Structure formats: structure tokens, C-alpha cells
Amino acid sequence: MKAALSYSLWAEAIGGFIAYIAIITSNNLSAGQEWAAPSNLIWVTVGFSILFLGFSGDFIFHQVMRADTITTMN
């Protein structure tokens, strides 16, 4: 169970970090009225994909009593 929690938290942290860095390093962002996709859109997508992989362990946080029946095969 500890490994599943560690995996989910690390995946969320790493994915969020990659997406955040990709957005703030985009060179075509401005404060204007027109919306423009970030130039590093591929890396933003990769970061969010990794981040959402971490949500697979989210059920353990919300249903702690069922975590042992979900994570182990009896």
C-alpha cells in the first residue's frame, strides 16, 4: 500500500512540475486579448499525462479501509 501511495504522489508531482515548467518557458505567451496555445504544448501534454497517471492511487486516499482488498490479491 505504501508503494501505491508513493507512486501516485510522485507521478502527480513530476507530471505537474513538467507541465508547469513547459508552460512558463513558452515563448509565445502574452497578456493580450487573444488566446494562443503554448509553444511547448507537447511537453504540457506529456506533463498532464503523467500527472493523471497518479490519480490511479487516489482511491486509496478516499477509501483507506478498502485499500488492502484493492491492492492485494487474496
C-alpha atoms as a PDB file:
ATOM      1  CA  MET A   1       0.000   0.000   0.000  1.00  0.00           C
ATOM      2  CA  LYS A   2       2.862   2.354   0.772  1.00  0.00           C
ATOM      3  CA  ALA A   3       4.297   1.790  -2.705  1.00  0.00           C
ATOM      4  CA  ALA A   4       0.978   2.663  -4.354  1.00  0.00           C
ATOM      5  CA  LEU A   5       0.713   5.879  -2.352  1.00  0.00           C
ATOM      6  CA  SER A   6       4.304   6.770  -3.146  1.00  0.00           C
ATOM      7  CA  TYR A   7       3.784   6.072  -6.857  1.00  0.00           C
ATOM      8  CA  SER A   8       0.665   8.214  -7.067  1.00  0.00           C
ATOM      9  CA  LEU A   9       2.160  11.176  -5.216  1.00  0.00           C
ATOM     10  CA  TRP A  10       5.418  11.093  -7.193  1.00  0.00           C
ATOM     11  CA  ALA A  11       3.573  10.781 -10.515  1.00  0.00           C
ATOM     12  CA  GLU A  12       1.374  13.765  -9.644  1.00  0.00           C
ATOM     13  CA  ALA A  13       4.370  15.829  -8.506  1.00  0.00           C
ATOM     14  CA  ILE A  14       6.587  15.036 -11.504  1.00  0.00           C
ATOM     15  CA  GLY A  15       3.787  15.477 -14.038  1.00  0.00           C
ATOM     16  CA  GLY A  16       2.711  18.773 -12.517  1.00  0.00           C
ATOM     17  CA  PHE A  17       6.289  20.012 -12.483  1.00  0.00           C
ATOM     18  CA  ILE A  18       6.843  19.114 -16.148  1.00  0.00           C
ATOM     19  CA  ALA A  19       3.594  20.812 -17.208  1.00  0.00           C
ATOM     20  CA  TYR A  20       4.338  23.922 -15.127  1.00  0.00           C
ATOM     21  CA  ILE A  21       7.875  24.310 -16.464  1.00  0.00           C
ATOM     22  CA  ALA A  22       6.662  23.759 -20.024  1.00  0.00           C
ATOM     23  CA  ILE A  23       4.052  26.490 -19.676  1.00  0.00           C
ATOM     24  CA  ILE A  24       6.278  29.132 -18.094  1.00  0.00           C
ATOM     25  CA  THR A  25       9.065  28.550 -20.625  1.00  0.00           C
ATOM     26  CA  SER A  26       6.779  29.009 -23.645  1.00  0.00           C
ATOM     27  CA  ASN A  27       7.930  31.932 -25.732  1.00  0.00           C
ATOM     28  CA  ASN A  28       4.643  32.940 -27.348  1.00  0.00           C
ATOM     29  CA  LEU A  29       2.585  33.789 -24.255  1.00  0.00           C
ATOM     30  CA  SER A  30       1.439  37.367 -23.826  1.00  0.00           C
ATOM     31  CA  ALA A  31      -1.017  39.382 -21.785  1.00  0.00           C
ATOM     32  CA  GLY A  32      -3.101  40.279 -24.828  1.00  0.00           C
ATOM     33  CA  GLN A  33      -6.743  39.546 -25.501  1.00  0.00           C
ATOM     34  CA  GLU A  34      -6.133  36.758 -27.998  1.00  0.00           C
ATOM     35  CA  TRP A  35      -5.616  33.233 -26.749  1.00  0.00           C
ATOM     36  CA  ALA A  36      -2.606  31.357 -28.051  1.00  0.00           C
ATOM     37  CA  ALA A  37      -1.597  27.788 -27.319  1.00  0.00           C
ATOM     38  CA  PRO A  38       1.778  27.495 -25.596  1.00  0.00           C
ATOM     39  CA  SER A  39       4.668  26.747 -27.923  1.00  0.00           C
ATOM     40  CA  ASN A  40       5.632  23.798 -25.682  1.00  0.00           C
ATOM     41  CA  LEU A  41       2.203  22.202 -25.998  1.00  0.00           C
ATOM     42  CA  ILE A  42       3.673  18.730 -26.489  1.00  0.00           C
ATOM     43  CA  TRP A  43       5.510  18.934 -23.148  1.00  0.00           C
ATOM     44  CA  VAL A  44       2.438  20.311 -21.404  1.00  0.00           C
ATOM     45  CA  THR A  45       0.509  17.302 -22.696  1.00  0.00           C
ATOM     46  CA  VAL A  46       3.230  14.910 -21.529  1.00  0.00           C
ATOM     47  CA  GLY A  47       3.227  16.519 -18.081  1.00  0.00           C
ATOM     48  CA  PHE A  48      -0.528  16.294 -17.713  1.00  0.00           C
ATOM     49  CA  SER A  49      -0.484  12.679 -18.920  1.00  0.00           C
ATOM     50  CA  ILE A  50       1.999  11.760 -16.195  1.00  0.00           C
ATOM     51  CA  LEU A  51       0.030  13.783 -13.654  1.00  0.00           C
ATOM     52  CA  PHE A  52      -3.196  11.944 -14.441  1.00  0.00           C
ATOM     53  CA  LEU A  53      -1.443   8.577 -14.110  1.00  0.00           C
ATOM     54  CA  GLY A  54      -1.016   9.485 -10.454  1.00  0.00           C
ATOM     55  CA  PHE A  55      -4.755   9.660  -9.913  1.00  0.00           C
ATOM     56  CA  SER A  56      -4.915   5.858 -10.105  1.00  0.00           C
ATOM     57  CA  GLY A  57      -3.863   5.795  -6.439  1.00  0.00           C
ATOM     58  CA  ASP A  58      -6.448   8.362  -5.442  1.00  0.00           C
ATOM     59  CA  PHE A  59      -8.967   5.750  -4.313  1.00  0.00           C
ATOM     60  CA  ILE A  60      -6.596   4.747  -1.515  1.00  0.00           C
ATOM     61  CA  PHE A  61      -6.725   8.238  -0.045  1.00  0.00           C
ATOM     62  CA  HIS A  62     -10.534   8.327  -0.070  1.00  0.00           C
ATOM     63  CA  GLN A  63     -11.268   4.728   0.962  1.00  0.00           C
ATOM     64  CA  VAL A  64      -8.417   3.743   3.224  1.00  0.00           C
ATOM     65  CA  MET A  65     -10.262   0.781   4.758  1.00  0.00           C
ATOM     66  CA  ARG A  66     -10.660  -0.871   1.337  1.00  0.00           C
ATOM     67  CA  ALA A  67      -7.084  -0.258   0.233  1.00  0.00           C
ATOM     68  CA  ASP A  68      -5.842  -3.664   1.383  1.00  0.00           C
ATOM     69  CA  THR A  69      -8.528  -5.508  -0.596  1.00  0.00           C
ATOM     70  CA  ILE A  70      -7.863  -3.451  -3.724  1.00  0.00           C
ATOM     71  CA  THR A  71      -4.069  -3.550  -3.744  1.00  0.00           C
ATOM     72  CA  THR A  72      -3.538  -7.211  -2.772  1.00  0.00           C
ATOM     73  CA  MET A  73      -4.829 -10.432  -4.243  1.00  0.00           C
ATOM     74  CA  ASN A  74      -6.065 -12.925  -1.645  1.00  0.00           C
END
